């Protein structure tokens, strides 16, 4: 098994050891920064498709709207989440 396979395996079988904990997150952010939302499933467009700018992608538009308004209720994506590694054609991380 290669490194990518190990990471995918651990992500599927032991997600708690692969994800940042609340303490991990707080260690790197100002203590007075309020949490607006946590997004772990979203629609991803490849950065290799230069004609698809982030400003034209639903994910970034919704994140911007949530951040500007402070209202997590604006996170209502229409595109199906595809950021799980099993959706990637190459399977690479």
N, C-alpha and C. Protein backbone atom coordinates (compact mmCIF):
# COMPACT_ATOMS: atom_id res chain seq x y z
N UNK A 1 0.85 -1.18 0.00
CA UNK A 1 0.00 0.00 0.00
C UNK A 1 0.89 1.24 0.00
N UNK A 2 0.54 2.20 -0.85
CA UNK A 2 1.29 3.45 -0.89
C UNK A 2 0.71 4.44 0.11
N UNK A 3 1.36 5.61 0.24
CA UNK A 3 0.93 6.61 1.21
C UNK A 3 -0.51 7.06 0.96
N UNK A 4 -0.85 7.33 -0.32
CA UNK A 4 -2.20 7.77 -0.65
C UNK A 4 -3.23 6.73 -0.24
N UNK A 5 -2.92 5.47 -0.46
CA UNK A 5 -3.82 4.39 -0.07
C UNK A 5 -4.00 4.33 1.44
N UNK A 6 -2.91 4.53 2.16
CA UNK A 6 -2.98 4.54 3.63
C UNK A 6 -3.86 5.67 4.13
N UNK A 7 -3.68 6.86 3.56
CA UNK A 7 -4.48 8.02 3.97
C UNK A 7 -5.95 7.78 3.67
N UNK A 8 -6.27 7.26 2.50
CA UNK A 8 -7.68 6.98 2.16
C UNK A 8 -8.26 5.92 3.09
N UNK A 9 -7.48 4.88 3.38
CA UNK A 9 -7.94 3.82 4.29
C UNK A 9 -8.23 4.39 5.68
N UNK A 10 -7.30 5.16 6.22
CA UNK A 10 -7.50 5.73 7.55
C UNK A 10 -8.66 6.72 7.58
N UNK A 11 -8.83 7.47 6.52
CA UNK A 11 -9.94 8.41 6.44
C UNK A 11 -11.28 7.68 6.49
N UNK A 12 -11.36 6.53 5.87
CA UNK A 12 -12.59 5.75 5.86
C UNK A 12 -12.82 4.98 7.16
N UNK A 13 -11.76 4.43 7.72
CA UNK A 13 -11.91 3.55 8.88
C UNK A 13 -11.75 4.24 10.22
N UNK A 14 -10.98 5.34 10.27
CA UNK A 14 -10.72 6.06 11.52
C UNK A 14 -10.73 7.57 11.28
N UNK A 15 -11.89 8.12 10.88
CA UNK A 15 -11.92 9.55 10.53
C UNK A 15 -11.51 10.47 11.67
N UNK A 16 -11.72 10.06 12.91
CA UNK A 16 -11.37 10.93 14.04
C UNK A 16 -9.87 11.18 14.14
N UNK A 17 -9.05 10.25 13.71
CA UNK A 17 -7.60 10.48 13.77
C UNK A 17 -7.10 11.26 12.56
N UNK A 18 -7.94 11.39 11.54
CA UNK A 18 -7.53 12.10 10.33
C UNK A 18 -8.02 13.55 10.31
N UNK A 19 -8.98 13.87 11.13
CA UNK A 19 -9.56 15.22 11.14
C UNK A 19 -9.01 16.03 12.30
N UNK A 20 -8.94 17.33 12.09
CA UNK A 20 -8.50 18.24 13.16
C UNK A 20 -9.53 18.23 14.28
N UNK A 21 -9.06 18.25 15.51
CA UNK A 21 -9.96 18.33 16.65
C UNK A 21 -10.32 19.80 16.90
N UNK A 22 -11.28 20.02 17.76
CA UNK A 22 -11.66 21.39 18.15
C UNK A 22 -10.45 22.11 18.73
N UNK A 23 -9.67 21.42 19.56
CA UNK A 23 -8.46 22.03 20.13
C UNK A 23 -7.42 22.36 19.06
N UNK A 24 -7.27 21.48 18.07
CA UNK A 24 -6.34 21.74 16.96
C UNK A 24 -6.73 23.03 16.24
N UNK A 25 -8.00 23.17 15.96
CA UNK A 25 -8.50 24.34 15.23
C UNK A 25 -8.29 25.60 16.06
N UNK A 26 -8.68 25.56 17.33
CA UNK A 26 -8.57 26.73 18.20
C UNK A 26 -7.12 27.16 18.40
N UNK A 27 -6.19 26.23 18.30
CA UNK A 27 -4.78 26.56 18.49
C UNK A 27 -4.25 27.47 17.39
N UNK A 28 -4.94 27.51 16.26
CA UNK A 28 -4.44 28.26 15.11
C UNK A 28 -5.32 29.45 14.72
N UNK A 29 -6.34 29.73 15.52
CA UNK A 29 -7.24 30.84 15.23
C UNK A 29 -7.35 31.75 16.44
N UNK A 30 -7.61 33.03 16.20
CA UNK A 30 -7.81 33.93 17.35
C UNK A 30 -8.98 33.45 18.22
N UNK A 31 -8.83 33.57 19.52
CA UNK A 31 -9.86 33.06 20.44
C UNK A 31 -11.17 33.84 20.33
N UNK A 32 -11.12 35.08 19.83
CA UNK A 32 -12.34 35.87 19.73
C UNK A 32 -13.01 35.76 18.35
N UNK A 33 -12.50 34.88 17.50
CA UNK A 33 -13.09 34.69 16.18
C UNK A 33 -14.28 33.72 16.31
N UNK A 34 -15.49 34.19 16.01
CA UNK A 34 -16.65 33.31 16.17
C UNK A 34 -16.72 32.25 15.06
N UNK A 35 -17.23 31.10 15.42
CA UNK A 35 -17.44 30.05 14.42
C UNK A 35 -18.77 30.33 13.73
N UNK A 36 -18.73 30.39 12.42
CA UNK A 36 -19.95 30.62 11.65
C UNK A 36 -20.53 29.30 11.18
N UNK A 37 -19.67 28.44 10.67
CA UNK A 37 -20.14 27.18 10.10
C UNK A 37 -18.95 26.26 9.87
N UNK A 38 -19.24 24.99 9.76
CA UNK A 38 -18.23 23.99 9.38
C UNK A 38 -18.74 23.32 8.10
N UNK A 39 -17.91 23.35 7.08
CA UNK A 39 -18.28 22.76 5.80
C UNK A 39 -17.32 21.62 5.52
N UNK A 40 -17.82 20.41 5.52
CA UNK A 40 -16.93 19.28 5.23
C UNK A 40 -17.34 18.54 3.96
N UNK A 41 -18.48 18.90 3.40
CA UNK A 41 -18.91 18.31 2.13
C UNK A 41 -19.28 19.45 1.20
N UNK A 42 -18.66 19.45 0.02
CA UNK A 42 -18.88 20.53 -0.92
C UNK A 42 -18.58 20.05 -2.33
N UNK A 43 -18.97 20.85 -3.31
CA UNK A 43 -18.71 20.53 -4.71
C UNK A 43 -17.37 21.16 -5.10
N UNK A 44 -16.48 20.34 -5.57
CA UNK A 44 -15.11 20.75 -5.90
C UNK A 44 -14.93 20.81 -7.40
N UNK A 45 -14.31 21.89 -7.88
CA UNK A 45 -13.89 22.01 -9.27
C UNK A 45 -12.37 22.02 -9.30
N UNK A 46 -11.79 21.31 -10.21
CA UNK A 46 -10.35 21.18 -10.29
C UNK A 46 -9.67 22.51 -10.57
N UNK A 47 -8.57 22.76 -9.87
CA UNK A 47 -7.78 23.97 -10.13
C UNK A 47 -7.06 23.87 -11.48
N UNK A 48 -7.05 22.69 -12.06
CA UNK A 48 -6.40 22.51 -13.36
C UNK A 48 -7.29 22.96 -14.52
N UNK A 49 -8.55 23.24 -14.24
CA UNK A 49 -9.47 23.75 -15.25
C UNK A 49 -9.44 25.27 -15.16
N UNK A 50 -8.47 25.88 -15.81
CA UNK A 50 -8.20 27.32 -15.68
C UNK A 50 -9.39 28.17 -16.12
N UNK A 51 -10.28 27.64 -16.95
CA UNK A 51 -11.42 28.42 -17.42
C UNK A 51 -12.54 28.50 -16.37
N UNK A 52 -12.44 27.73 -15.30
CA UNK A 52 -13.44 27.76 -14.23
C UNK A 52 -12.84 28.51 -13.05
N UNK A 53 -13.08 29.80 -13.00
CA UNK A 53 -12.55 30.63 -11.93
C UNK A 53 -13.32 30.39 -10.63
N UNK A 54 -12.66 30.49 -9.48
CA UNK A 54 -13.36 30.34 -8.20
C UNK A 54 -14.57 31.27 -8.08
N UNK A 55 -14.47 32.47 -8.63
CA UNK A 55 -15.58 33.43 -8.53
C UNK A 55 -16.82 32.95 -9.28
N UNK A 56 -16.66 31.99 -10.17
CA UNK A 56 -17.80 31.44 -10.91
C UNK A 56 -18.30 30.13 -10.34
N UNK A 57 -17.70 29.66 -9.26
CA UNK A 57 -18.07 28.38 -8.66
C UNK A 57 -19.03 28.58 -7.50
N UNK A 58 -20.07 27.77 -7.47
CA UNK A 58 -21.09 27.88 -6.43
C UNK A 58 -20.49 27.81 -5.03
N UNK A 59 -19.56 26.91 -4.80
CA UNK A 59 -18.98 26.73 -3.47
C UNK A 59 -18.39 28.03 -2.95
N UNK A 60 -17.56 28.68 -3.75
CA UNK A 60 -16.91 29.91 -3.31
C UNK A 60 -17.91 31.07 -3.19
N UNK A 61 -18.89 31.11 -4.08
CA UNK A 61 -19.91 32.14 -3.98
C UNK A 61 -20.69 32.02 -2.67
N UNK A 62 -21.04 30.78 -2.29
CA UNK A 62 -21.79 30.57 -1.05
C UNK A 62 -20.93 30.85 0.18
N UNK A 63 -19.67 30.43 0.14
CA UNK A 63 -18.78 30.72 1.27
C UNK A 63 -18.66 32.23 1.44
N UNK A 64 -18.50 32.96 0.35
CA UNK A 64 -18.39 34.42 0.43
C UNK A 64 -19.65 35.03 1.03
N UNK A 65 -20.80 34.53 0.61
CA UNK A 65 -22.07 35.08 1.13
C UNK A 65 -22.20 34.82 2.63
N UNK A 66 -21.82 33.61 3.06
CA UNK A 66 -21.88 33.28 4.49
C UNK A 66 -20.92 34.17 5.28
N UNK A 67 -19.70 34.35 4.77
CA UNK A 67 -18.72 35.16 5.49
C UNK A 67 -19.11 36.64 5.55
N UNK A 68 -19.62 37.17 4.45
CA UNK A 68 -19.99 38.58 4.41
C UNK A 68 -21.18 38.86 5.32
N UNK A 69 -22.15 37.96 5.33
CA UNK A 69 -23.36 38.19 6.13
C UNK A 69 -23.25 37.65 7.55
N UNK A 70 -22.37 36.66 7.75
CA UNK A 70 -22.30 35.99 9.05
C UNK A 70 -23.46 35.03 9.26
N UNK A 71 -24.20 34.75 8.20
CA UNK A 71 -25.38 33.90 8.29
C UNK A 71 -25.14 32.56 7.62
N UNK A 72 -24.97 31.47 8.40
CA UNK A 72 -24.72 30.15 7.81
C UNK A 72 -25.93 29.61 7.04
N UNK A 73 -27.08 30.24 7.20
CA UNK A 73 -28.27 29.81 6.48
C UNK A 73 -28.15 29.99 4.97
N UNK A 74 -27.19 30.81 4.54
CA UNK A 74 -26.98 31.00 3.10
C UNK A 74 -26.24 29.81 2.47
N UNK A 75 -25.75 28.90 3.28
CA UNK A 75 -25.08 27.71 2.72
C UNK A 75 -26.16 26.72 2.29
N UNK A 76 -26.61 26.86 1.06
CA UNK A 76 -27.62 25.98 0.48
C UNK A 76 -27.17 25.59 -0.92
N UNK A 77 -26.15 24.72 -1.00
CA UNK A 77 -25.62 24.36 -2.31
C UNK A 77 -26.63 23.55 -3.13
N UNK A 78 -26.61 23.81 -4.43
CA UNK A 78 -27.44 23.04 -5.36
C UNK A 78 -26.63 21.91 -5.98
N UNK A 79 -25.30 22.14 -6.09
CA UNK A 79 -24.43 21.11 -6.65
C UNK A 79 -24.18 20.01 -5.62
N UNK A 80 -24.19 18.78 -6.08
CA UNK A 80 -23.96 17.63 -5.21
C UNK A 80 -22.51 17.63 -4.72
N UNK A 81 -22.28 17.37 -3.42
CA UNK A 81 -20.91 17.29 -2.92
C UNK A 81 -20.13 16.21 -3.67
N UNK A 82 -18.87 16.52 -3.96
CA UNK A 82 -18.02 15.56 -4.66
C UNK A 82 -16.58 15.57 -4.14
N UNK A 83 -16.38 16.16 -2.95
CA UNK A 83 -15.00 16.30 -2.47
C UNK A 83 -14.45 15.04 -1.81
N UNK A 84 -15.25 13.99 -1.67
CA UNK A 84 -14.74 12.72 -1.14
C UNK A 84 -13.80 12.10 -2.17
N UNK A 85 -12.70 11.55 -1.73
CA UNK A 85 -11.68 11.04 -2.65
C UNK A 85 -12.22 10.01 -3.63
N UNK A 86 -13.26 9.27 -3.25
CA UNK A 86 -13.79 8.23 -4.15
C UNK A 86 -14.44 8.84 -5.39
N UNK A 87 -14.70 10.14 -5.39
CA UNK A 87 -15.28 10.82 -6.55
C UNK A 87 -14.21 11.30 -7.52
N UNK A 88 -12.96 11.21 -7.16
CA UNK A 88 -11.90 11.74 -7.99
C UNK A 88 -11.49 10.73 -9.05
N UNK A 89 -11.49 11.15 -10.26
CA UNK A 89 -11.16 10.26 -11.37
C UNK A 89 -9.78 9.62 -11.18
N UNK A 90 -8.82 10.41 -10.76
CA UNK A 90 -7.46 9.89 -10.59
C UNK A 90 -7.30 9.11 -9.30
N UNK A 91 -8.14 9.42 -8.30
CA UNK A 91 -8.00 8.79 -7.00
C UNK A 91 -6.85 9.35 -6.20
N UNK A 92 -6.15 10.34 -6.73
CA UNK A 92 -5.01 10.91 -6.03
C UNK A 92 -5.43 12.01 -5.07
N UNK A 93 -4.65 12.17 -4.02
CA UNK A 93 -4.90 13.24 -3.07
C UNK A 93 -4.24 14.51 -3.55
